[in-house]
Amino acid sequence: MRKPQRQGKLHPPQDDLLSSCCRGRIELGDVTPHNIKQLKLLNQVVFPVSYNDKFYKDVLEAGELAKLAYYNDMVVGGVCCRVDILDGQRRLYIMTLGCLAPYRRLGIGTKMLEHVLNYVEKEGNFHSIFLHVQVNNDGALDFYKKFGFGVVETKQHYYKRIEPADAHVLQKTLVKS
């Protein structure tokens, strides 16, 4: 017996129904001393670099600039930022924004980045938002470009102990000069 061929759609109708009605619940929560170990573990899995104890100490004091992302009450992502000042201009630096691989493309990264964008809009007085992305991370580059970030510089040998060692500096300018 021959299998019927599907025409037109890539997914059968029930897949469309499932993806639209049963999408998981995405929430952001504070990073606290009680869940900081979850952030550490998440970062070890998601990123090819390790972060020291000072990074996590600073994250605990970051308030709205550090969030854990939950998908149906399970930690699956996190975002950590800090405020930098360069040439008298306030800039928000995204130190980390990542999500466990099986939970990507579900809107979790978007939720975290929208939180960051809303923060800088509400606070005001930010010149730009910037971050470093490993030059071969096409998924991250495409993600940030959708939100108006662009490559403004490439730093040679930015990373230690990982290949490729180069990083693009991505920036979204908020205040027009």
N, C-alpha and C. Protein backbone atom coordinates (compact mmCIF):
# COMPACT_ATOMS: atom_id res chain seq x y z
N MET A 1 0.83 -1.17 0.00
CA MET A 1 0.00 0.00 0.00
C MET A 1 0.88 1.24 0.00
N ARG A 2 0.58 2.18 -0.86
CA ARG A 2 1.38 3.40 -0.95
C ARG A 2 0.93 4.41 0.08
N LYS A 3 1.92 5.09 0.61
CA LYS A 3 1.64 6.16 1.57
C LYS A 3 1.11 7.38 0.80
N PRO A 4 0.01 7.99 1.26
CA PRO A 4 -0.48 9.17 0.55
C PRO A 4 0.53 10.31 0.65
N GLN A 5 0.69 11.05 -0.42
CA GLN A 5 1.62 12.18 -0.41
C GLN A 5 0.93 13.42 0.10
N ARG A 6 1.68 14.16 0.90
CA ARG A 6 1.18 15.42 1.41
C ARG A 6 1.38 16.49 0.36
N GLN A 7 0.42 17.37 0.23
CA GLN A 7 0.58 18.42 -0.75
C GLN A 7 0.45 19.78 -0.07
N GLY A 8 1.29 20.71 -0.50
CA GLY A 8 1.16 22.09 -0.05
C GLY A 8 1.80 22.40 1.28
N LYS A 9 1.36 21.79 2.38
CA LYS A 9 1.84 22.15 3.72
C LYS A 9 3.02 21.29 4.14
N LEU A 10 3.88 21.87 4.93
CA LEU A 10 5.02 21.12 5.46
C LEU A 10 4.63 20.29 6.67
N HIS A 11 3.62 20.72 7.41
CA HIS A 11 3.19 20.02 8.62
C HIS A 11 1.74 19.61 8.47
N PRO A 12 1.36 18.47 9.02
CA PRO A 12 -0.04 18.11 9.00
C PRO A 12 -0.85 19.07 9.87
N PRO A 13 -2.15 19.20 9.61
CA PRO A 13 -2.97 20.17 10.34
C PRO A 13 -2.90 20.04 11.86
N GLN A 14 -2.80 18.82 12.39
CA GLN A 14 -2.76 18.70 13.85
C GLN A 14 -1.53 19.37 14.43
N ASP A 15 -0.40 19.41 13.70
CA ASP A 15 0.78 20.11 14.19
C ASP A 15 0.51 21.61 14.32
N ASP A 16 -0.20 22.19 13.36
CA ASP A 16 -0.55 23.60 13.42
C ASP A 16 -1.42 23.86 14.64
N LEU A 17 -2.35 22.97 14.89
CA LEU A 17 -3.26 23.12 16.02
C LEU A 17 -2.48 23.05 17.33
N LEU A 18 -1.60 22.07 17.44
CA LEU A 18 -0.81 21.92 18.66
C LEU A 18 0.08 23.13 18.91
N SER A 19 0.76 23.61 17.86
CA SER A 19 1.69 24.71 18.07
C SER A 19 0.97 26.00 18.42
N SER A 20 -0.27 26.17 17.99
CA SER A 20 -0.96 27.41 18.29
C SER A 20 -1.72 27.35 19.61
N CYS A 21 -2.24 26.19 20.00
CA CYS A 21 -3.06 26.15 21.22
C CYS A 21 -2.28 25.71 22.45
N CYS A 22 -1.20 24.99 22.28
CA CYS A 22 -0.53 24.39 23.44
C CYS A 22 0.86 24.97 23.68
N ARG A 23 1.08 26.15 23.22
CA ARG A 23 2.37 26.79 23.43
C ARG A 23 2.59 26.95 24.94
N GLY A 24 3.80 26.71 25.38
CA GLY A 24 4.07 26.77 26.81
C GLY A 24 4.00 28.17 27.37
N ARG A 25 3.93 28.23 28.69
CA ARG A 25 3.87 29.51 29.40
C ARG A 25 5.30 29.97 29.67
N ILE A 26 5.63 31.18 29.22
CA ILE A 26 6.96 31.74 29.40
C ILE A 26 6.88 32.88 30.42
N GLU A 27 7.70 32.77 31.46
CA GLU A 27 7.73 33.82 32.49
C GLU A 27 9.17 34.13 32.84
N LEU A 28 9.40 35.36 33.29
CA LEU A 28 10.73 35.75 33.77
C LEU A 28 10.67 35.94 35.27
N GLY A 29 11.74 35.51 35.96
CA GLY A 29 11.79 35.65 37.41
C GLY A 29 13.13 36.20 37.84
N ASP A 30 13.16 36.73 39.05
CA ASP A 30 14.37 37.31 39.60
C ASP A 30 15.43 36.24 39.86
N VAL A 31 16.69 36.66 39.80
CA VAL A 31 17.80 35.81 40.22
C VAL A 31 18.03 36.12 41.70
N THR A 32 18.01 35.08 42.52
CA THR A 32 18.16 35.24 43.98
C THR A 32 19.24 34.30 44.49
N PRO A 33 19.67 34.47 45.74
CA PRO A 33 20.63 33.52 46.30
C PRO A 33 20.11 32.07 46.27
N HIS A 34 18.79 31.91 46.25
CA HIS A 34 18.20 30.56 46.26
C HIS A 34 18.24 29.88 44.90
N ASN A 35 18.33 30.67 43.81
CA ASN A 35 18.32 30.03 42.49
C ASN A 35 19.56 30.36 41.65
N ILE A 36 20.55 31.02 42.23
CA ILE A 36 21.75 31.41 41.48
C ILE A 36 22.49 30.18 40.94
N LYS A 37 22.40 29.05 41.66
CA LYS A 37 23.06 27.83 41.18
C LYS A 37 22.42 27.33 39.89
N GLN A 38 21.13 27.56 39.73
CA GLN A 38 20.46 27.18 38.48
C GLN A 38 20.99 28.01 37.32
N LEU A 39 21.23 29.30 37.58
CA LEU A 39 21.80 30.16 36.54
C LEU A 39 23.21 29.70 36.19
N LYS A 40 24.01 29.36 37.20
CA LYS A 40 25.38 28.86 36.95
C LYS A 40 25.35 27.62 36.08
N LEU A 41 24.49 26.67 36.43
CA LEU A 41 24.39 25.43 35.66
C LEU A 41 23.92 25.70 34.24
N LEU A 42 22.93 26.54 34.10
CA LEU A 42 22.42 26.91 32.79
C LEU A 42 23.53 27.51 31.93
N ASN A 43 24.30 28.46 32.50
CA ASN A 43 25.38 29.10 31.75
C ASN A 43 26.46 28.11 31.35
N GLN A 44 26.74 27.12 32.22
CA GLN A 44 27.74 26.10 31.89
C GLN A 44 27.32 25.28 30.68
N VAL A 45 26.01 25.04 30.56
CA VAL A 45 25.49 24.23 29.46
C VAL A 45 25.37 25.04 28.17
N VAL A 46 24.94 26.30 28.29
CA VAL A 46 24.60 27.10 27.11
C VAL A 46 25.81 27.78 26.48
N PHE A 47 26.75 28.25 27.29
CA PHE A 47 27.85 29.06 26.76
C PHE A 47 29.17 28.32 26.76
N PRO A 48 30.02 28.59 25.75
CA PRO A 48 31.31 27.90 25.67
C PRO A 48 32.37 28.51 26.59
N VAL A 49 32.02 29.55 27.32
CA VAL A 49 32.96 30.18 28.26
C VAL A 49 32.43 30.02 29.68
N SER A 50 33.34 30.09 30.67
CA SER A 50 32.87 30.00 32.06
C SER A 50 32.96 31.37 32.71
N TYR A 51 32.07 31.56 33.67
CA TYR A 51 31.99 32.83 34.38
C TYR A 51 32.43 32.63 35.82
N ASN A 52 33.17 33.61 36.34
CA ASN A 52 33.74 33.47 37.68
C ASN A 52 32.74 33.87 38.77
N ASP A 53 33.16 33.69 40.01
CA ASP A 53 32.28 33.98 41.15
C ASP A 53 31.87 35.44 41.22
N LYS A 54 32.78 36.34 40.82
CA LYS A 54 32.45 37.77 40.83
C LYS A 54 31.28 38.06 39.88
N PHE A 55 31.26 37.39 38.73
CA PHE A 55 30.16 37.57 37.78
C PHE A 55 28.83 37.27 38.49
N TYR A 56 28.77 36.15 39.19
CA TYR A 56 27.51 35.75 39.85
C TYR A 56 27.19 36.64 41.06
N LYS A 57 28.21 37.13 41.75
CA LYS A 57 27.99 38.07 42.85
C LYS A 57 27.37 39.36 42.29
N ASP A 58 27.90 39.85 41.18
CA ASP A 58 27.36 41.06 40.54
C ASP A 58 25.94 40.84 40.03
N VAL A 59 25.68 39.64 39.51
CA VAL A 59 24.34 39.31 38.99
C VAL A 59 23.31 39.40 40.12
N LEU A 60 23.69 38.96 41.31
CA LEU A 60 22.76 39.01 42.45
C LEU A 60 22.37 40.43 42.82
N GLU A 61 23.21 41.39 42.45
CA GLU A 61 22.94 42.80 42.76
C GLU A 61 22.36 43.55 41.56
N ALA A 62 22.10 42.85 40.47
CA ALA A 62 21.70 43.51 39.22
C ALA A 62 20.21 43.84 39.14
N GLY A 63 19.41 43.29 40.03
CA GLY A 63 17.97 43.60 40.02
C GLY A 63 17.30 43.21 38.71
N GLU A 64 16.64 44.17 38.06
CA GLU A 64 15.90 43.91 36.82
C GLU A 64 16.81 43.55 35.65
N LEU A 65 18.11 43.73 35.82
CA LEU A 65 19.05 43.45 34.73
C LEU A 65 19.49 41.98 34.71
N ALA A 66 18.96 41.17 35.59
CA ALA A 66 19.25 39.73 35.60
C ALA A 66 17.94 38.98 35.82
N LYS A 67 17.62 38.10 34.89
CA LYS A 67 16.36 37.34 34.98
C LYS A 67 16.59 35.90 34.56
N LEU A 68 15.85 35.02 35.19
CA LEU A 68 15.77 33.63 34.74
C LEU A 68 14.50 33.50 33.91
N ALA A 69 14.58 32.69 32.86
CA ALA A 69 13.41 32.44 32.02
C ALA A 69 12.87 31.06 32.34
N TYR A 70 11.56 31.00 32.55
CA TYR A 70 10.88 29.75 32.88
C TYR A 70 9.94 29.37 31.74
N TYR A 71 9.96 28.11 31.38
CA TYR A 71 9.02 27.57 30.41
C TYR A 71 8.21 26.51 31.15
N ASN A 72 6.92 26.78 31.35
CA ASN A 72 6.08 25.90 32.16
C ASN A 72 6.73 25.59 33.52
N ASP A 73 7.19 26.64 34.18
CA ASP A 73 7.77 26.59 35.52
C ASP A 73 9.14 25.92 35.62
N MET A 74 9.79 25.66 34.49
CA MET A 74 11.12 25.06 34.50
C MET A 74 12.13 26.08 33.98
N VAL A 75 13.26 26.24 34.68
CA VAL A 75 14.29 27.18 34.23
C VAL A 75 14.91 26.67 32.94
N VAL A 76 14.83 27.49 31.89
CA VAL A 76 15.38 27.09 30.59
C VAL A 76 16.26 28.18 29.97
N GLY A 77 16.32 29.36 30.60
CA GLY A 77 17.10 30.45 30.03
C GLY A 77 17.43 31.50 31.06
N GLY A 78 18.28 32.43 30.65
CA GLY A 78 18.64 33.51 31.54
C GLY A 78 19.25 34.67 30.77
N VAL A 79 19.11 35.85 31.34
CA VAL A 79 19.71 37.06 30.77
C VAL A 79 20.35 37.84 31.90
N CYS A 80 21.57 38.33 31.66
CA CYS A 80 22.30 39.11 32.65
C CYS A 80 22.94 40.30 31.95
N CYS A 81 22.68 41.49 32.48
CA CYS A 81 23.19 42.73 31.87
C CYS A 81 23.85 43.60 32.93
N ARG A 82 24.58 44.60 32.44
CA ARG A 82 25.13 45.61 33.34
C ARG A 82 25.14 46.95 32.59
N VAL A 83 25.22 48.02 33.37
CA VAL A 83 25.30 49.36 32.79
C VAL A 83 26.77 49.74 32.68
N ASP A 84 27.19 50.15 31.48
CA ASP A 84 28.55 50.64 31.25
C ASP A 84 28.46 52.11 30.87
N ILE A 85 29.52 52.84 31.15
CA ILE A 85 29.59 54.24 30.72
C ILE A 85 30.84 54.40 29.88
N LEU A 86 30.66 54.87 28.65
CA LEU A 86 31.77 55.09 27.73
C LEU A 86 31.63 56.49 27.15
N ASP A 87 32.67 57.29 27.29
CA ASP A 87 32.65 58.67 26.81
C ASP A 87 31.43 59.43 27.33
N GLY A 88 31.09 59.18 28.58
CA GLY A 88 29.98 59.89 29.20
C GLY A 88 28.60 59.41 28.78
N GLN A 89 28.54 58.33 28.00
CA GLN A 89 27.24 57.82 27.54
C GLN A 89 26.93 56.50 28.23
N ARG A 90 25.70 56.39 28.73
CA ARG A 90 25.26 55.13 29.37
C ARG A 90 24.93 54.12 28.29
N ARG A 91 25.50 52.93 28.45
CA ARG A 91 25.23 51.84 27.51
C ARG A 91 24.89 50.59 28.32
N LEU A 92 23.95 49.82 27.82
CA LEU A 92 23.61 48.57 28.49
C LEU A 92 24.36 47.45 27.81
N TYR A 93 25.10 46.67 28.59
CA TYR A 93 25.87 45.56 28.05
C TYR A 93 25.16 44.26 28.40
N ILE A 94 24.80 43.48 27.39
CA ILE A 94 24.21 42.16 27.62
C ILE A 94 25.37 41.18 27.81
N MET A 95 25.62 40.79 29.05
CA MET A 95 26.72 39.88 29.35
C MET A 95 26.38 38.48 28.87
N THR A 96 25.16 38.03 29.18
CA THR A 96 24.69 36.72 28.72
C THR A 96 23.20 36.82 28.41
N LEU A 97 22.80 36.12 27.38
CA LEU A 97 21.38 35.90 27.08
C LEU A 97 21.36 34.55 26.36
N GLY A 98 20.82 33.55 27.03
CA GLY A 98 20.86 32.22 26.45
C GLY A 98 19.72 31.35 26.91
N CYS A 99 19.48 30.31 26.12
CA CYS A 99 18.38 29.39 26.35
C CYS A 99 18.85 27.97 26.02
N LEU A 100 18.40 27.01 26.79
CA LEU A 100 18.74 25.61 26.50
C LEU A 100 18.28 25.24 25.09
N ALA A 101 19.11 24.50 24.37
CA ALA A 101 18.86 24.19 22.96
C ALA A 101 17.46 23.64 22.66
N PRO A 102 16.91 22.70 23.44
CA PRO A 102 15.58 22.17 23.08
C PRO A 102 14.45 23.20 23.20
N TYR A 103 14.72 24.32 23.85
CA TYR A 103 13.68 25.32 24.09
C TYR A 103 13.87 26.57 23.22
N ARG A 104 14.78 26.49 22.26
CA ARG A 104 14.99 27.63 21.37
C ARG A 104 13.86 27.69 20.34
N ARG A 105 13.64 28.88 19.83
CA ARG A 105 12.62 29.14 18.80
C ARG A 105 11.19 28.98 19.33
N LEU A 106 11.05 29.17 20.65
CA LEU A 106 9.72 29.13 21.28
C LEU A 106 9.31 30.50 21.81
N GLY A 107 10.15 31.50 21.60
CA GLY A 107 9.84 32.85 22.06
C GLY A 107 10.50 33.23 23.37
N ILE A 108 11.33 32.35 23.92
CA ILE A 108 11.95 32.60 25.22
C ILE A 108 13.04 33.67 25.11
N GLY A 109 13.89 33.57 24.12
CA GLY A 109 14.92 34.59 23.89
C GLY A 109 14.28 35.94 23.59
N THR A 110 13.22 35.92 22.82
CA THR A 110 12.50 37.15 22.50
C THR A 110 11.95 37.79 23.77
N LYS A 111 11.38 36.97 24.65
CA LYS A 111 10.83 37.48 25.92
C LYS A 111 11.93 38.13 26.75
N MET A 112 13.10 37.50 26.80
CA MET A 112 14.21 38.05 27.59
C MET A 112 14.72 39.35 26.97
N LEU A 113 14.89 39.37 25.64
CA LEU A 113 15.39 40.58 25.00
C LEU A 113 14.37 41.70 25.07
N GLU A 114 13.09 41.38 24.95
CA GLU A 114 12.06 42.42 25.10
C GLU A 114 12.09 43.01 26.50
N HIS A 115 12.37 42.20 27.51
CA HIS A 115 12.51 42.71 28.88
C HIS A 115 13.64 43.74 28.93
N VAL A 116 14.76 43.42 28.31
CA VAL A 116 15.91 44.34 28.28
C VAL A 116 15.54 45.63 27.53
N LEU A 117 14.89 45.49 26.38
CA LEU A 117 14.50 46.66 25.59
C LEU A 117 13.51 47.54 26.36
N ASN A 118 12.57 46.91 27.05
CA ASN A 118 11.60 47.66 27.86
C ASN A 118 12.30 48.37 29.02
N TYR A 119 13.29 47.71 29.60
CA TYR A 119 14.03 48.31 30.71
C TYR A 119 14.72 49.60 30.27
N VAL A 120 15.46 49.54 29.14
CA VAL A 120 16.19 50.74 28.71
C VAL A 120 15.23 51.85 28.29
N GLU A 121 14.08 51.46 27.74
CA GLU A 121 13.09 52.47 27.34
C GLU A 121 12.51 53.16 28.58
N LYS A 122 12.16 52.35 29.58
CA LYS A 122 11.56 52.87 30.81
C LYS A 122 12.57 53.74 31.59
N GLU A 123 13.79 53.26 31.71
CA GLU A 123 14.83 53.99 32.44
C GLU A 123 15.24 55.26 31.69
N GLY A 124 15.27 55.16 30.36
CA GLY A 124 15.70 56.29 29.53
C GLY A 124 17.18 56.55 29.68
N ASN A 125 17.65 57.54 28.96
CA ASN A 125 19.04 57.99 29.07
C ASN A 125 20.07 56.91 28.76
N PHE A 126 19.73 55.96 27.89
CA PHE A 126 20.72 54.99 27.42
C PHE A 126 21.05 55.33 25.97
N HIS A 127 22.32 55.34 25.66
CA HIS A 127 22.76 55.60 24.29
C HIS A 127 22.56 54.37 23.41
N SER A 128 22.90 53.18 23.97
CA SER A 128 22.86 51.97 23.15
C SER A 128 22.86 50.72 24.03
N ILE A 129 22.62 49.60 23.35
CA ILE A 129 22.72 48.27 23.96
C ILE A 129 23.77 47.53 23.14
N PHE A 130 24.68 46.81 23.79
CA PHE A 130 25.67 46.07 23.02
C PHE A 130 26.00 44.73 23.67
N LEU A 131 26.63 43.87 22.90
CA LEU A 131 27.01 42.54 23.36
C LEU A 131 28.07 41.97 22.44
N HIS A 132 28.69 40.89 22.87
CA HIS A 132 29.65 40.16 22.04
C HIS A 132 29.04 38.84 21.62
N VAL A 133 29.27 38.46 20.37
CA VAL A 133 28.78 37.18 19.85
C VAL A 133 29.94 36.52 19.09
N GLN A 134 30.17 35.26 19.39
CA GLN A 134 31.22 34.52 18.70
C GLN A 134 30.94 34.56 17.19
N VAL A 135 31.98 34.78 16.39
CA VAL A 135 31.79 35.04 14.95
C VAL A 135 31.07 33.92 14.19
N ASN A 136 31.11 32.70 14.71
CA ASN A 136 30.45 31.60 14.00
C ASN A 136 29.04 31.30 14.51
N ASN A 137 28.52 32.14 15.41
CA ASN A 137 27.19 31.89 16.00
C ASN A 137 26.12 32.58 15.14
N ASP A 138 25.83 31.95 14.00
CA ASP A 138 24.87 32.53 13.05
C ASP A 138 23.47 32.67 13.64
N GLY A 139 23.07 31.72 14.48
CA GLY A 139 21.74 31.79 15.10
C GLY A 139 21.59 33.04 15.94
N ALA A 140 22.60 33.34 16.76
CA ALA A 140 22.55 34.54 17.60
C ALA A 140 22.61 35.80 16.74
N LEU A 141 23.46 35.81 15.72
CA LEU A 141 23.56 36.99 14.85
C LEU A 141 22.21 37.28 14.19
N ASP A 142 21.56 36.25 13.65
CA ASP A 142 20.26 36.42 13.00
C ASP A 142 19.21 36.90 14.01
N PHE A 143 19.23 36.34 15.22
CA PHE A 143 18.28 36.71 16.27
C PHE A 143 18.40 38.20 16.59
N TYR A 144 19.60 38.66 16.87
CA TYR A 144 19.77 40.06 17.27
C TYR A 144 19.49 41.02 16.12
N LYS A 145 19.81 40.63 14.90
CA LYS A 145 19.54 41.50 13.74
C LYS A 145 18.05 41.75 13.58
N LYS A 146 17.21 40.77 13.95
CA LYS A 146 15.75 40.96 13.88
C LYS A 146 15.28 42.08 14.79
N PHE A 147 16.08 42.39 15.82
CA PHE A 147 15.71 43.43 16.78
C PHE A 147 16.46 44.74 16.54
N GLY A 148 17.10 44.85 15.39
CA GLY A 148 17.77 46.10 15.04
C GLY A 148 19.21 46.22 15.48
N PHE A 149 19.82 45.13 15.92
CA PHE A 149 21.24 45.16 16.26
C PHE A 149 22.06 44.96 14.99
N GLY A 150 23.22 45.56 14.96
CA GLY A 150 24.13 45.39 13.83
C GLY A 150 25.54 45.20 14.32
N VAL A 151 26.37 44.59 13.48
CA VAL A 151 27.79 44.39 13.82
C VAL A 151 28.49 45.74 13.65
N VAL A 152 29.13 46.20 14.73
CA VAL A 152 29.85 47.48 14.66
C VAL A 152 31.37 47.30 14.72
N GLU A 153 31.80 46.09 15.08
CA GLU A 153 33.23 45.83 15.21
C GLU A 153 33.43 44.32 15.33
N THR A 154 34.60 43.85 14.94
CA THR A 154 34.98 42.46 15.19
C THR A 154 36.28 42.49 15.98
N LYS A 155 36.26 41.86 17.15
CA LYS A 155 37.44 41.84 18.02
C LYS A 155 38.18 40.52 17.83
N GLN A 156 39.41 40.63 17.39
CA GLN A 156 40.27 39.46 17.20
C GLN A 156 40.69 38.93 18.57
N HIS A 157 40.72 37.62 18.72
CA HIS A 157 41.21 36.96 19.94
C HIS A 157 40.47 37.44 21.20
N TYR A 158 39.18 37.69 21.07
CA TYR A 158 38.38 38.15 22.21
C TYR A 158 38.25 37.05 23.26
N TYR A 159 38.00 35.82 22.79
CA TYR A 159 37.81 34.70 23.72
C TYR A 159 39.12 33.96 23.95
N LYS A 160 39.29 33.48 25.16
CA LYS A 160 40.44 32.64 25.50
C LYS A 160 39.95 31.19 25.56
N ARG A 161 40.73 30.29 25.10
CA ARG A 161 40.46 28.85 25.21
C ARG A 161 39.25 28.34 24.41
N ILE A 162 38.71 29.12 23.47
CA ILE A 162 37.68 28.57 22.58
C ILE A 162 37.97 29.02 21.15
N GLU A 163 37.52 28.22 20.22
CA GLU A 163 37.70 28.53 18.80
C GLU A 163 36.34 28.59 18.12
N PRO A 164 36.09 29.51 17.21
CA PRO A 164 36.99 30.62 16.90
C PRO A 164 37.03 31.61 18.07
N ALA A 165 38.16 32.27 18.21
CA ALA A 165 38.39 33.17 19.35
C ALA A 165 37.87 34.58 19.09
N ASP A 166 37.44 34.86 17.87
CA ASP A 166 37.00 36.21 17.52
C ASP A 166 35.52 36.42 17.87
N ALA A 167 35.18 37.67 18.16
CA ALA A 167 33.80 38.01 18.50
C ALA A 167 33.37 39.26 17.74
N HIS A 168 32.11 39.23 17.28
CA HIS A 168 31.50 40.44 16.74
C HIS A 168 30.94 41.23 17.91
N VAL A 169 31.05 42.55 17.83
CA VAL A 169 30.37 43.43 18.77
C VAL A 169 29.09 43.86 18.06
N LEU A 170 27.96 43.50 18.66
CA LEU A 170 26.66 43.90 18.12
C LEU A 170 26.14 45.07 18.94
N GLN A 171 25.51 46.01 18.26
CA GLN A 171 25.00 47.19 18.96
C GLN A 171 23.68 47.63 18.36
N LYS A 172 22.83 48.10 19.24
CA LYS A 172 21.59 48.76 18.84
C LYS A 172 21.66 50.16 19.45
N THR A 173 21.74 51.16 18.59
CA THR A 173 21.81 52.53 19.06
C THR A 173 20.40 53.03 19.36
N LEU A 174 20.25 53.63 20.53
CA LEU A 174 18.92 54.09 20.98
C LEU A 174 18.77 55.60 20.82
N VAL A 175 19.89 56.33 21.04
CA VAL A 175 19.86 57.78 20.94
C VAL A 175 20.58 58.16 19.65
N LYS A 176 19.90 58.89 18.80
CA LYS A 176 20.53 59.31 17.55
C LYS A 176 21.50 60.44 17.83
N SER A 177 22.71 60.28 17.32
CA SER A 177 23.75 61.31 17.56
C SER A 177 23.60 62.44 16.57
